[in-house]
Amino acid sequence: MSDQRASAPDGTPFTDKFERGLRTRKEVLGEDYVNASVDKATEYNFPMQQLVTEYCWDEIWNRPGLDRKYRSILNLGMISAMGRSHELKLHVRGAINNGFTKEELREVFLQVAIYCGVPAAIDSFRTAQEVFDEMGI
């Protein structure tokens, strides 16, 4: 979100939950990606940005029961199992931002192979490699 926008497309000010979630979302997924998502939001689709930011990134990611690395492990496994490569790419980057090594990511995807199937794991390895290449690691 560029510094110019402090409200929804309809002019409604951002809530405190939205602001907290936005901070967490940027710390995990990266400021450029999150800014682009929020800046491109329209009156029509902004409610989805608001839902994800307030409930996923504030209510869940900011809960005290698990640290961000554990939350990343959960997301990597679930998103791999669902075969959502675009989201997996974001969460591989987020896991790296949360302290994961390439070796730890490999172990997650090997676990996915056994419990979710080899095709899901192969796609997850492929997607992770794309992120590594983009990040130069």
Protein backbone atom coordinates (compact mmCIF):
# COMPACT_ATOMS: atom_id res chain seq x y z
CA MET A 1 0.00 0.00 0.00
CA SER A 2 1.53 3.27 -0.98
CA ASP A 3 1.71 5.87 1.76
CA GLN A 4 -0.92 7.91 -0.08
CA ARG A 5 -3.75 5.47 0.65
CA ALA A 6 -4.93 5.29 4.26
CA SER A 7 -8.48 4.33 3.44
CA ALA A 8 -10.55 1.86 1.46
CA PRO A 9 -11.46 2.72 -2.14
CA ASP A 10 -14.81 4.09 -0.90
CA GLY A 11 -12.97 6.50 1.44
CA THR A 12 -13.66 4.54 4.65
CA PRO A 13 -10.63 4.83 6.95
CA PHE A 14 -8.69 1.64 7.62
CA THR A 15 -9.52 -0.02 10.95
CA ASP A 16 -6.91 -0.72 13.60
CA LYS A 17 -7.30 -4.46 12.80
CA PHE A 18 -6.57 -3.72 9.16
CA GLU A 19 -3.48 -1.66 10.02
CA ARG A 20 -2.11 -4.38 12.36
CA GLY A 21 -2.82 -7.10 9.80
CA LEU A 22 -1.24 -5.02 7.06
CA ARG A 23 1.98 -4.68 9.07
CA THR A 24 2.14 -8.43 9.65
CA ARG A 25 1.26 -9.21 6.04
CA LYS A 26 4.07 -6.93 4.81
CA GLU A 27 6.60 -8.45 7.24
CA VAL A 28 5.80 -11.96 6.04
CA LEU A 29 5.04 -11.56 2.32
CA GLY A 30 7.03 -8.43 1.54
CA GLU A 31 6.02 -4.82 1.26
CA ASP A 32 6.04 -4.62 -2.56
CA TYR A 33 3.64 -7.54 -3.01
CA VAL A 34 1.23 -6.35 -0.33
CA ASN A 35 1.31 -2.74 -1.52
CA ALA A 36 0.47 -3.86 -5.05
CA SER A 37 -2.43 -6.03 -3.82
CA VAL A 38 -3.97 -3.27 -1.74
CA ASP A 39 -3.29 -0.50 -4.25
CA LYS A 40 -4.97 -2.48 -7.05
CA ALA A 41 -8.07 -3.14 -4.96
CA THR A 42 -11.32 -1.68 -6.23
CA GLU A 43 -14.55 -0.92 -4.41
CA TYR A 44 -15.77 -4.29 -5.67
CA ASN A 45 -12.89 -6.49 -4.45
CA PHE A 46 -11.57 -4.47 -1.50
CA PRO A 47 -13.84 -6.37 0.95
CA MET A 48 -11.74 -9.49 0.17
CA GLN A 49 -8.51 -7.58 0.90
CA GLN A 50 -10.08 -6.37 4.13
CA LEU A 51 -11.23 -9.87 5.14
CA VAL A 52 -7.82 -11.43 4.47
CA THR A 53 -5.89 -8.61 6.12
CA GLU A 54 -8.04 -8.32 9.24
CA TYR A 55 -8.82 -11.96 9.93
CA CYS A 56 -5.97 -13.91 8.39
CA TRP A 57 -3.10 -11.50 9.03
CA ASP A 58 -4.28 -9.89 12.29
CA GLU A 59 -6.60 -12.35 14.04
CA ILE A 60 -4.67 -15.52 13.12
CA TRP A 61 -1.06 -14.58 12.34
CA ASN A 62 -0.87 -12.29 15.39
CA ARG A 63 -2.22 -14.85 17.87
CA PRO A 64 0.28 -15.76 20.60
CA GLY A 65 -0.09 -19.59 20.40
CA LEU A 66 2.31 -20.21 17.51
CA ASP A 67 5.24 -18.24 16.19
CA ARG A 68 5.45 -17.24 12.54
CA LYS A 69 7.72 -20.12 11.60
CA TYR A 70 5.16 -22.68 12.82
CA ARG A 71 2.39 -20.82 10.99
CA SER A 72 4.52 -20.93 7.85
CA ILE A 73 4.97 -24.71 8.19
CA LEU A 74 1.21 -25.15 8.43
CA ASN A 75 0.56 -22.93 5.42
CA LEU A 76 3.20 -24.64 3.29
CA GLY A 77 1.71 -28.06 3.98
CA MET A 78 -1.91 -27.03 3.47
CA ILE A 79 -1.29 -24.93 0.37
CA SER A 80 0.88 -27.69 -1.15
CA ALA A 81 -1.87 -30.22 -0.51
CA MET A 82 -4.40 -27.98 -2.23
CA GLY A 83 -2.13 -27.47 -5.25
CA ARG A 84 -2.29 -23.68 -5.10
CA SER A 85 1.05 -22.79 -6.73
CA HIS A 86 0.49 -19.03 -6.80
CA GLU A 87 -0.25 -18.91 -3.07
CA LEU A 88 2.55 -21.38 -2.36
CA LYS A 89 5.00 -19.06 -4.06
CA LEU A 90 3.99 -16.26 -1.70
CA HIS A 91 4.26 -18.48 1.33
CA VAL A 92 7.66 -19.91 0.33
CA ARG A 93 8.89 -16.32 0.26
CA GLY A 94 7.11 -15.72 3.57
CA ALA A 95 8.70 -18.81 5.13
CA ILE A 96 12.13 -17.56 4.09
CA ASN A 97 11.27 -14.18 5.62
CA ASN A 98 10.25 -16.08 8.77
CA GLY A 99 13.65 -17.78 9.03
CA PHE A 100 13.30 -20.98 6.99
CA THR A 101 16.29 -22.40 5.17
CA LYS A 102 16.11 -24.11 1.80
CA GLU A 103 16.89 -27.38 3.58
CA GLU A 104 13.94 -26.96 5.95
CA LEU A 105 11.65 -26.19 3.02
CA ARG A 106 12.88 -29.35 1.32
CA GLU A 107 11.91 -31.36 4.41
CA VAL A 108 8.44 -29.84 4.45
CA PHE A 109 7.89 -30.80 0.80
CA LEU A 110 9.24 -34.32 1.33
CA GLN A 111 6.69 -34.68 4.13
CA VAL A 112 4.02 -33.40 1.73
CA ALA A 113 5.03 -36.14 -0.74
CA ILE A 114 4.25 -38.87 1.77
CA TYR A 115 1.06 -37.46 3.24
CA CYS A 116 -0.43 -35.55 0.29
CA GLY A 117 1.03 -37.26 -2.75
CA VAL A 118 4.05 -37.06 -4.98
CA PRO A 119 2.44 -34.74 -7.59
CA ALA A 120 1.70 -32.14 -4.90
CA ALA A 121 5.28 -32.34 -3.64
CA ILE A 122 6.84 -32.15 -7.10
CA ASP A 123 4.81 -29.04 -7.86
CA SER A 124 5.83 -27.58 -4.48
CA PHE A 125 9.54 -28.19 -5.19
CA ARG A 126 9.14 -26.58 -8.62
CA THR A 127 7.38 -23.56 -7.17
CA ALA A 128 9.94 -23.17 -4.37
CA GLN A 129 12.79 -23.27 -6.90
CA GLU A 130 11.15 -20.42 -8.84
CA VAL A 131 11.14 -18.34 -5.64
CA PHE A 132 14.77 -19.25 -4.87
CA ASP A 133 15.74 -18.18 -8.39
CA GLU A 134 13.83 -14.90 -8.07
CA MET A 135 15.43 -14.21 -4.70
CA GLY A 136 18.92 -15.28 -5.84
CA ILE A 137 19.32 -17.93 -3.12
